[in-house]
Amino acid sequence: MNVEFINPFLSSLLNVLSTMAQTELKPGKPKVKKDEVACGDVSGLIGMVGPQTKGSFSITFDENLALTIMERMLGERPDSINEEVTDMVGEITNMVTGGAKNLLGEKGYDFNMATPIVVSGNGHTITHKSEGPKILIPFTSDAGNANIEVSFDKI
């Protein structure tokens, strides 16, 4: 997959979390993901369709990181992943994808975004609806780990 499609999601995620939740993420080495099992406790997934291609983006947070982001954004820390946390993960998914959509639009790629879905629980799965490879980028932070997955049909 073209790095031109990955970098907008990476930079948008870093921007959203640093500005909205004062959380700095450090990206790790990208790799191709072969299965559908999420690498974390709560995931947001959103589909994108455009004239040139279709794809999807997901972000998965460790529980502690999701709770810390909630605390930094709203001043309250839930005891566990609840409806407010899953709503927040959906909003973060939307904001990151919107930022990436703007960056991709500057390069001539236009997309419509679906409504994000959020899944949580140990061993939950993420199913991307595109034919292309799933690129996983791990992130570390002071409060836990996050992973993004980006998958687009071949262009």
Protein backbone atom coordinates (compact mmCIF):
# COMPACT_ATOMS: atom_id res chain seq x y z
CA MET A 1 0.00 0.00 0.00
CA ASN A 2 1.12 3.49 -0.81
CA VAL A 3 2.57 5.39 2.17
CA GLU A 4 0.68 8.39 0.78
CA PHE A 5 -2.46 6.81 2.29
CA ILE A 6 -0.93 5.89 5.67
CA ASN A 7 0.80 9.12 6.69
CA PRO A 8 -2.35 11.30 6.78
CA PHE A 9 -3.91 8.94 9.36
CA LEU A 10 -0.72 8.84 11.40
CA SER A 11 -0.28 12.62 11.50
CA SER A 12 -4.00 13.20 12.12
CA LEU A 13 -3.99 10.79 15.09
CA LEU A 14 -0.93 12.45 16.64
CA ASN A 15 -2.52 15.88 16.16
CA VAL A 16 -5.93 14.91 17.60
CA LEU A 17 -4.56 13.25 20.73
CA SER A 18 -1.96 15.92 21.47
CA THR A 19 -4.44 18.80 21.09
CA MET A 20 -7.58 17.19 22.54
CA ALA A 21 -6.08 15.00 25.28
CA GLN A 22 -2.53 16.28 25.88
CA THR A 23 -1.35 12.78 25.01
CA GLU A 24 1.81 12.17 23.01
CA LEU A 25 2.01 8.92 21.07
CA LYS A 26 5.24 7.50 19.72
CA PRO A 27 4.81 5.54 16.46
CA GLY A 28 6.45 2.14 16.06
CA LYS A 29 7.32 0.16 12.97
CA PRO A 30 4.45 -0.49 10.52
CA LYS A 31 3.71 -4.08 9.56
CA VAL A 32 1.18 -6.03 7.54
CA LYS A 33 -1.51 -7.54 9.76
CA LYS A 34 -2.72 -11.01 8.82
CA ASP A 35 -5.60 -11.66 11.25
CA GLU A 36 -8.66 -9.75 12.48
CA VAL A 37 -8.02 -9.87 16.24
CA ALA A 38 -7.64 -6.38 17.70
CA CYS A 39 -4.43 -5.47 19.55
CA GLY A 40 -6.15 -3.76 22.48
CA ASP A 41 -9.36 -3.39 24.48
CA VAL A 42 -11.55 -0.90 22.59
CA SER A 43 -11.59 -0.11 18.85
CA GLY A 44 -13.20 2.39 16.55
CA LEU A 45 -13.66 1.40 12.89
CA ILE A 46 -14.79 3.61 10.03
CA GLY A 47 -15.28 2.93 6.33
CA MET A 48 -14.45 5.31 3.50
CA VAL A 49 -15.60 5.24 -0.10
CA GLY A 50 -14.45 7.44 -2.93
CA PRO A 51 -14.33 7.46 -6.72
CA GLN A 52 -10.76 6.10 -6.84
CA THR A 53 -10.85 3.49 -4.08
CA LYS A 54 -12.49 2.36 -0.86
CA GLY A 55 -10.98 1.49 2.46
CA SER A 56 -11.24 1.58 6.21
CA PHE A 57 -9.42 2.87 9.26
CA SER A 58 -9.43 1.58 12.82
CA ILE A 59 -7.84 2.66 16.05
CA THR A 60 -7.52 0.41 19.07
CA PHE A 61 -6.61 1.53 22.58
CA ASP A 62 -5.45 -0.36 25.64
CA GLU A 63 -8.03 0.14 28.40
CA ASN A 64 -5.70 2.26 30.55
CA LEU A 65 -4.88 4.58 27.64
CA ALA A 66 -8.58 4.98 26.74
CA LEU A 67 -9.43 5.81 30.37
CA THR A 68 -6.51 8.26 30.60
CA ILE A 69 -7.59 10.02 27.39
CA MET A 70 -11.12 10.29 28.81
CA GLU A 71 -9.73 11.77 32.02
CA ARG A 72 -7.54 14.27 30.17
CA MET A 73 -10.37 15.34 27.86
CA LEU A 74 -13.24 15.51 30.37
CA GLY A 75 -11.63 15.61 33.80
CA GLU A 76 -13.26 12.35 34.94
CA ARG A 77 -11.80 8.87 34.90
CA PRO A 78 -14.24 5.96 34.64
CA ASP A 79 -13.43 2.69 36.42
CA SER A 80 -13.65 0.70 33.18
CA ILE A 81 -14.66 0.96 29.54
CA ASN A 82 -18.27 2.16 29.53
CA GLU A 83 -20.66 3.86 27.11
CA GLU A 84 -18.98 7.26 27.54
CA VAL A 85 -15.58 5.76 26.72
CA THR A 86 -16.89 3.97 23.62
CA ASP A 87 -18.58 7.23 22.52
CA MET A 88 -15.24 9.03 22.96
CA VAL A 89 -13.41 6.37 20.91
CA GLY A 90 -16.02 6.82 18.16
CA GLU A 91 -15.46 10.59 18.23
CA ILE A 92 -11.68 10.20 18.10
CA THR A 93 -12.09 7.79 15.15
CA ASN A 94 -14.24 10.40 13.41
CA MET A 95 -11.83 13.27 14.10
CA VAL A 96 -8.75 11.33 12.96
CA THR A 97 -10.48 10.15 9.78
CA GLY A 98 -11.78 13.67 9.09
CA GLY A 99 -8.27 15.08 9.44
CA ALA A 100 -6.86 12.36 7.17
CA LYS A 101 -9.68 12.96 4.68
CA ASN A 102 -8.67 16.64 4.46
CA LEU A 103 -4.99 15.74 3.95
CA LEU A 104 -5.87 13.15 1.29
CA GLY A 105 -8.20 15.67 -0.38
CA GLU A 106 -5.21 17.98 -0.86
CA LYS A 107 -3.60 15.15 -2.87
CA GLY A 108 -6.66 14.66 -5.07
CA TYR A 109 -8.31 11.76 -3.22
CA ASP A 110 -11.92 12.32 -2.25
CA PHE A 111 -13.83 10.16 0.25
CA ASN A 112 -17.16 9.92 1.95
CA MET A 113 -16.97 8.64 5.51
CA ALA A 114 -19.36 6.21 7.15
CA THR A 115 -20.43 6.44 10.78
CA PRO A 116 -17.81 4.82 13.01
CA ILE A 117 -18.59 1.66 14.93
CA VAL A 118 -16.94 0.89 18.25
CA VAL A 119 -16.20 -2.59 19.58
CA SER A 120 -14.70 -3.48 22.93
CA GLY A 121 -13.76 -6.53 24.93
CA ASN A 122 -10.84 -8.90 25.19
CA GLY A 123 -10.04 -10.55 21.84
CA HIS A 124 -12.59 -8.58 19.80
CA THR A 125 -12.13 -8.53 16.04
CA ILE A 126 -11.91 -5.80 13.41
CA THR A 127 -13.07 -6.65 9.90
CA HIS A 128 -11.89 -4.33 7.13
CA LYS A 129 -14.10 -4.41 4.04
CA SER A 130 -11.41 -3.77 1.48
CA GLU A 131 -9.31 -6.01 -0.72
CA GLY A 132 -5.97 -4.41 0.11
CA PRO A 133 -3.50 -5.34 2.84
CA LYS A 134 -4.09 -4.23 6.43
CA ILE A 135 -1.23 -2.03 7.58
CA LEU A 136 -0.87 -1.90 11.37
CA ILE A 137 1.09 0.86 13.08
CA PRO A 138 1.69 0.44 16.83
CA PHE A 139 2.00 3.43 19.17
CA THR A 140 3.29 3.72 22.71
CA SER A 141 2.55 6.41 25.30
CA ASP A 142 2.99 7.10 28.99
CA ALA A 143 -0.49 5.62 29.63
CA GLY A 144 -0.51 2.56 27.36
CA ASN A 145 -0.53 1.44 23.77
CA ALA A 146 -2.63 2.18 20.71
CA ASN A 147 -2.68 0.65 17.24
CA ILE A 148 -4.06 1.96 13.99
CA GLU A 149 -4.97 -0.16 11.01
CA VAL A 150 -5.43 1.22 7.51
CA SER A 151 -6.66 -0.83 4.58
CA PHE A 152 -7.49 0.34 1.06
CA ASP A 153 -8.35 -1.45 -2.15
CA LYS A 154 -5.50 -1.37 -4.61
CA ILE A 155 -5.38 1.74 -6.74
